[in-house]
């Protein structure tokens, strides 16, 4: 069968319907008319010779055939986004779009102030912040610059260690005033503990560092570090925090001799992008800002 060449706009609608679950939502997300979205889905189904969606009370549900095409469509979307960023400015000029990616906690609590400094120094830049606990693939140029808590291991990636998060146990001043400052690990039983939920690898790691936050002990549990930090700031219990964030939000260190360790922070980019001036500018400026933040004392 000679399948007609498919246009990216048609596959873009297909991916939007997959992500949103309806034609109307996909059309709004793409800024096109719903009739246009419907026509492109019809064209795609005729081209591949099979149904890709079925109607249900919950919206348009993908068929098995559609699920089999998801990976290809997402790869094309990443390539299109990378093409757009690459075409947003010439390699030798500082203006254009740079996509930065990091975890939810870093993206919400750390990077905005640092990216503000980058934008103030280079107002011609446009920044995309990808908030994602999944590590976006720098080799595939899913992002231009990444800030990570573990050293990136992809091939052809330039990395720089910018400092360390100094981690320990913290609580709010109000919680400590209410229950008293714990002097020994056994006194933690008087407190609610905040820790991971189903991430047993992290539970085991924290146990090795001296923080036993198993399901039996931790009564506030979530695998999301941003949610853990929010629970800590709300006074729900004692939990892990970096000294840098704790000092910014007035949290109190408890049992410093029990739990005290460092986690390295790295910034990375694909080596080929060093030649693109705007990306190199963001990489260098963000590396300096992160180093200053991480060097801050308690």
Protein backbone atom coordinates (compact mmCIF):
# COMPACT_ATOMS: atom_id res chain seq x y z
CA UNK A 1 0.00 0.00 0.00
CA UNK A 2 1.35 3.42 -0.96
CA UNK A 3 0.47 5.56 2.04
CA UNK A 4 0.26 9.26 1.10
CA UNK A 5 2.86 11.52 2.68
CA UNK A 6 1.47 12.83 5.95
CA UNK A 7 1.87 16.48 6.89
CA UNK A 8 3.18 17.40 10.34
CA UNK A 9 0.10 19.55 11.01
CA UNK A 10 -2.09 16.45 10.69
CA UNK A 11 0.07 14.45 13.07
CA UNK A 12 0.20 17.45 15.41
CA UNK A 13 -3.59 17.32 15.71
CA UNK A 14 -3.42 13.57 16.29
CA UNK A 15 -0.98 14.07 19.18
CA UNK A 16 -3.08 16.91 20.65
CA UNK A 17 -6.21 14.71 20.64
CA UNK A 18 -4.24 11.95 22.35
CA UNK A 19 -3.05 14.37 25.04
CA UNK A 20 -6.34 16.18 25.65
CA UNK A 21 -8.91 13.45 24.96
CA UNK A 22 -11.21 15.53 22.77
CA UNK A 23 -11.33 17.39 19.48
CA UNK A 24 -12.48 20.63 21.07
CA UNK A 25 -9.67 20.67 23.63
CA UNK A 26 -7.12 19.77 20.96
CA UNK A 27 -8.38 22.55 18.70
CA UNK A 28 -8.13 25.10 21.54
CA UNK A 29 -4.61 23.95 22.41
CA UNK A 30 -3.48 24.32 18.78
CA UNK A 31 -5.42 27.48 18.01
CA UNK A 32 -7.40 25.97 15.12
CA UNK A 33 -11.10 25.46 14.45
CA UNK A 34 -12.65 22.23 15.73
CA UNK A 35 -13.81 21.46 12.18
CA UNK A 36 -10.19 21.71 11.03
CA UNK A 37 -9.08 19.32 13.75
CA UNK A 38 -11.85 16.87 12.81
CA UNK A 39 -10.92 17.04 9.12
CA UNK A 40 -7.26 16.33 9.85
CA UNK A 41 -8.10 13.32 12.02
CA UNK A 42 -10.37 12.02 9.25
CA UNK A 43 -7.57 12.50 6.71
CA UNK A 44 -5.13 10.67 8.96
CA UNK A 45 -7.51 7.72 9.47
CA UNK A 46 -8.09 7.47 5.72
CA UNK A 47 -4.33 7.59 5.09
CA UNK A 48 -3.49 4.79 7.52
CA UNK A 49 -6.62 2.81 6.66
CA UNK A 50 -7.88 2.28 10.20
CA UNK A 51 -9.77 3.96 13.02
CA UNK A 52 -7.58 5.74 15.53
CA UNK A 53 -10.20 6.91 18.03
CA UNK A 54 -13.55 5.71 19.34
CA UNK A 55 -16.13 7.90 21.04
CA UNK A 56 -16.89 7.25 24.70
CA UNK A 57 -18.57 9.15 27.57
CA UNK A 58 -15.09 10.31 28.57
CA UNK A 59 -14.25 11.68 25.12
CA UNK A 60 -12.20 10.23 22.28
CA UNK A 61 -10.41 7.06 23.35
CA UNK A 62 -7.37 5.94 21.32
CA UNK A 63 -7.44 2.53 19.68
CA UNK A 64 -4.55 0.09 19.93
CA UNK A 65 -3.41 1.30 16.53
CA UNK A 66 -3.27 4.90 17.80
CA UNK A 67 -1.29 3.87 20.86
CA UNK A 68 1.21 2.19 18.58
CA UNK A 69 1.77 5.49 16.77
CA UNK A 70 2.25 7.63 19.89
CA UNK A 71 6.03 7.22 20.08
CA UNK A 72 6.49 8.24 16.45
CA UNK A 73 4.28 11.32 16.83
CA UNK A 74 6.06 12.39 20.02
CA UNK A 75 9.44 12.02 18.33
CA UNK A 76 8.23 14.25 15.50
CA UNK A 77 6.93 16.79 18.02
CA UNK A 78 10.30 16.91 19.76
CA UNK A 79 12.05 17.33 16.42
CA UNK A 80 9.66 20.13 15.43
CA UNK A 81 10.21 21.92 18.74
CA UNK A 82 13.98 21.58 18.42
CA UNK A 83 13.78 22.90 14.84
CA UNK A 84 11.74 25.90 15.98
CA UNK A 85 14.22 26.73 18.74
CA UNK A 86 17.16 26.33 16.37
CA UNK A 87 15.50 28.59 13.81
CA UNK A 88 14.53 31.22 16.39
CA UNK A 89 17.86 33.01 16.01
CA UNK A 90 21.19 32.73 14.30
CA UNK A 91 23.88 30.80 16.15
CA UNK A 92 26.08 33.88 16.58
CA UNK A 93 23.50 36.23 18.12
CA UNK A 94 22.33 36.19 21.75
CA UNK A 95 18.59 36.42 21.04
CA UNK A 96 16.13 33.57 20.58
CA UNK A 97 14.56 30.71 22.52
CA UNK A 98 16.33 28.46 25.02
CA UNK A 99 14.61 25.50 26.66
CA UNK A 100 15.68 24.75 30.24
CA UNK A 101 14.58 21.61 32.07
CA UNK A 102 14.76 20.54 35.71
CA UNK A 103 12.84 18.72 38.43
CA UNK A 104 9.64 20.13 39.92
CA UNK A 105 11.28 21.24 43.17
CA UNK A 106 14.18 23.01 41.46
CA UNK A 107 11.94 24.49 38.77
CA UNK A 108 9.50 26.01 41.27
CA UNK A 109 11.68 26.90 44.26
CA UNK A 110 15.09 27.70 42.77
CA UNK A 111 15.20 28.44 39.06
CA UNK A 112 12.65 31.29 38.65
CA UNK A 113 14.75 33.85 40.57
CA UNK A 114 17.90 32.73 38.79
CA UNK A 115 16.26 32.86 35.37
CA UNK A 116 15.03 36.36 36.20
CA UNK A 117 18.67 37.41 36.53
CA UNK A 118 19.46 35.77 33.19
CA UNK A 119 16.58 37.61 31.51
CA UNK A 120 17.55 40.92 33.08
CA UNK A 121 21.06 40.53 31.71
CA UNK A 122 19.84 39.30 28.31
CA UNK A 123 16.31 40.65 27.65
CA UNK A 124 16.48 39.48 24.05
CA UNK A 125 16.20 35.87 25.25
CA UNK A 126 12.98 33.87 25.44
CA UNK A 127 13.02 31.03 27.94
CA UNK A 128 11.04 27.80 28.04
CA UNK A 129 11.03 26.05 31.43
CA UNK A 130 10.22 22.35 31.21
CA UNK A 131 9.11 21.23 34.69
CA UNK A 132 9.64 17.50 34.61
CA UNK A 133 10.92 14.89 37.06
CA UNK A 134 11.63 12.67 34.05
CA UNK A 135 15.07 13.49 32.72
CA UNK A 136 14.61 14.97 29.26
CA UNK A 137 17.07 13.61 26.72
CA UNK A 138 19.76 16.18 25.92
CA UNK A 139 21.27 13.97 23.22
CA UNK A 140 17.92 14.05 21.40
CA UNK A 141 17.66 17.82 22.11
CA UNK A 142 14.42 17.52 24.06
CA UNK A 143 15.89 20.45 25.99
CA UNK A 144 18.85 22.79 25.50
CA UNK A 145 20.06 23.14 29.10
CA UNK A 146 19.34 20.81 32.01
CA UNK A 147 19.76 21.27 35.77
CA UNK A 148 20.03 17.89 37.46
CA UNK A 149 20.63 16.40 40.88
CA UNK A 150 22.73 13.56 39.46
CA UNK A 151 25.56 13.85 36.97
CA UNK A 152 24.22 13.33 33.44
CA UNK A 153 25.63 10.30 31.70
CA UNK A 154 24.42 10.80 28.11
CA UNK A 155 27.06 10.74 25.41
CA UNK A 156 28.14 14.00 23.78
CA UNK A 157 26.88 16.05 26.75
CA UNK A 158 28.87 18.82 28.44
CA UNK A 159 28.46 18.83 32.24
CA UNK A 160 29.49 21.21 35.00
CA UNK A 161 29.26 20.60 38.74
CA UNK A 162 27.91 23.87 40.18
CA UNK A 163 27.78 22.94 43.86
CA UNK A 164 25.95 20.84 46.40
CA UNK A 165 22.63 20.82 48.17
CA UNK A 166 23.35 20.34 51.88
CA UNK A 167 20.57 18.18 53.26
CA UNK A 168 19.29 17.62 56.77
CA UNK A 169 16.14 17.44 58.87
CA UNK A 170 14.06 20.59 59.29
CA UNK A 171 10.80 21.80 60.79
CA UNK A 172 8.94 25.07 61.15
CA UNK A 173 9.63 27.26 64.19
CA UNK A 174 6.00 26.83 65.26
CA UNK A 175 6.21 23.05 65.21
CA UNK A 176 9.42 23.02 67.26
CA UNK A 177 7.94 25.50 69.75
CA UNK A 178 4.87 23.28 70.14
CA UNK A 179 6.65 19.95 70.60
CA UNK A 180 10.11 20.99 71.77
CA UNK A 181 13.40 20.50 69.95
CA UNK A 182 14.23 16.79 69.60
CA UNK A 183 17.56 15.90 71.18
CA UNK A 184 17.72 12.26 70.13
CA UNK A 185 16.39 10.16 67.28
CA UNK A 186 13.93 8.42 69.61
CA UNK A 187 12.25 11.78 70.28
CA UNK A 188 11.21 11.98 66.63
CA UNK A 189 8.30 9.72 67.58
CA UNK A 190 6.60 12.80 69.06
CA UNK A 191 6.50 14.35 65.59
CA UNK A 192 4.81 13.56 62.33
CA UNK A 193 7.49 12.62 59.82
CA UNK A 194 7.42 13.54 56.14
CA UNK A 195 8.92 11.09 53.67
CA UNK A 196 8.60 9.18 50.39
CA UNK A 197 5.55 7.06 49.64
CA UNK A 198 6.20 4.27 47.12
CA UNK A 199 9.75 5.16 46.14
CA UNK A 200 11.42 2.39 48.12
CA UNK A 201 14.82 3.21 46.65
CA UNK A 202 14.66 6.67 48.19
CA UNK A 203 13.34 5.29 51.48
CA UNK A 204 16.34 2.96 51.62
CA UNK A 205 18.78 5.74 50.69
CA UNK A 206 17.46 8.08 53.39
CA UNK A 207 17.65 5.22 55.89
CA UNK A 208 21.35 4.86 55.04
CA UNK A 209 21.76 8.57 55.76
CA UNK A 210 20.17 8.18 59.20
CA UNK A 211 16.57 9.19 58.44
CA UNK A 212 14.28 6.22 58.99
CA UNK A 213 11.11 7.35 57.25
CA UNK A 214 9.51 4.01 56.46
CA UNK A 215 5.75 3.72 55.96
CA UNK A 216 5.39 2.77 59.63
CA UNK A 217 7.05 6.00 60.82
CA UNK A 218 6.26 8.62 58.16
CA UNK A 219 2.65 9.75 58.40
CA UNK A 220 2.91 12.35 55.61
CA UNK A 221 4.08 10.45 52.55
CA UNK A 222 4.57 11.56 48.95
CA UNK A 223 7.14 10.75 46.28
CA UNK A 224 6.96 14.33 44.95
CA UNK A 225 9.78 16.43 46.46
CA UNK A 226 7.88 19.66 45.82
CA UNK A 227 4.90 18.29 47.76
CA UNK A 228 7.22 17.14 50.56
CA UNK A 229 8.64 20.66 50.77
CA UNK A 230 5.15 22.18 50.81
CA UNK A 231 4.14 19.84 53.66
CA UNK A 232 7.29 20.81 55.56
CA UNK A 233 6.61 24.54 55.18
CA UNK A 234 3.00 24.02 56.23
CA UNK A 235 4.18 22.59 59.55
CA UNK A 236 2.85 19.10 58.92
CA UNK A 237 5.98 17.48 60.31
CA UNK A 238 9.73 17.07 60.22
CA UNK A 239 11.27 16.31 56.84
CA UNK A 240 14.27 16.53 54.56
CA UNK A 241 15.32 19.89 53.17
CA UNK A 242 18.40 21.60 51.82
CA UNK A 243 20.00 24.25 53.99
CA UNK A 244 19.74 26.71 51.10
CA UNK A 245 15.93 26.45 50.86
CA UNK A 246 15.53 26.17 54.65
CA UNK A 247 17.31 29.48 55.27
CA UNK A 248 15.18 31.19 52.62
CA UNK A 249 11.95 30.06 54.31
CA UNK A 250 12.95 30.25 57.97
CA UNK A 251 12.93 26.54 58.71
CA UNK A 252 14.74 25.19 61.79
CA UNK A 253 17.41 22.48 61.65
CA UNK A 254 16.87 19.52 63.98
CA UNK A 255 19.20 16.65 64.89
CA UNK A 256 22.06 17.89 62.67
CA UNK A 257 24.37 15.09 63.79
CA UNK A 258 21.83 12.44 62.83
CA UNK A 259 21.30 13.48 59.19
CA UNK A 260 23.82 15.57 57.28
CA UNK A 261 24.82 14.85 53.68
CA UNK A 262 25.31 16.51 50.32
CA UNK A 263 23.83 15.96 46.87
CA UNK A 264 25.61 17.36 43.84
CA UNK A 265 23.89 19.71 41.38
CA UNK A 266 24.91 19.62 37.74
CA UNK A 267 24.15 21.73 34.70
CA UNK A 268 24.40 20.12 31.28
CA UNK A 269 23.97 20.73 27.57
CA UNK A 270 24.71 18.91 24.31
CA UNK A 271 28.29 19.64 23.22
CA UNK A 272 27.16 20.78 19.74
CA UNK A 273 25.10 23.58 21.31
CA UNK A 274 28.17 25.29 22.77
CA UNK A 275 28.49 26.98 19.37
CA UNK A 276 25.01 28.50 19.69
CA UNK A 277 25.60 31.77 21.50
CA UNK A 278 22.22 32.18 23.21
CA UNK A 279 22.37 28.66 24.66
CA UNK A 280 25.97 29.07 25.81
CA UNK A 281 24.96 32.37 27.47
CA UNK A 282 22.16 30.69 29.42
CA UNK A 283 24.37 27.75 30.35
CA UNK A 284 27.16 29.98 31.71
CA UNK A 285 24.90 32.53 33.41
CA UNK A 286 22.75 29.87 35.04
CA UNK A 287 25.84 27.95 36.19
CA UNK A 288 27.18 31.06 37.95
CA UNK A 289 23.80 31.85 39.56
CA UNK A 290 23.36 28.27 40.76
CA UNK A 291 26.84 28.28 42.26
CA UNK A 292 26.07 31.45 44.22
CA UNK A 293 22.78 29.99 45.45
CA UNK A 294 24.37 26.72 46.53
CA UNK A 295 27.20 28.50 48.33
CA UNK A 296 24.71 30.41 50.50
CA UNK A 297 25.13 29.62 54.21
CA UNK A 298 22.35 28.51 56.53
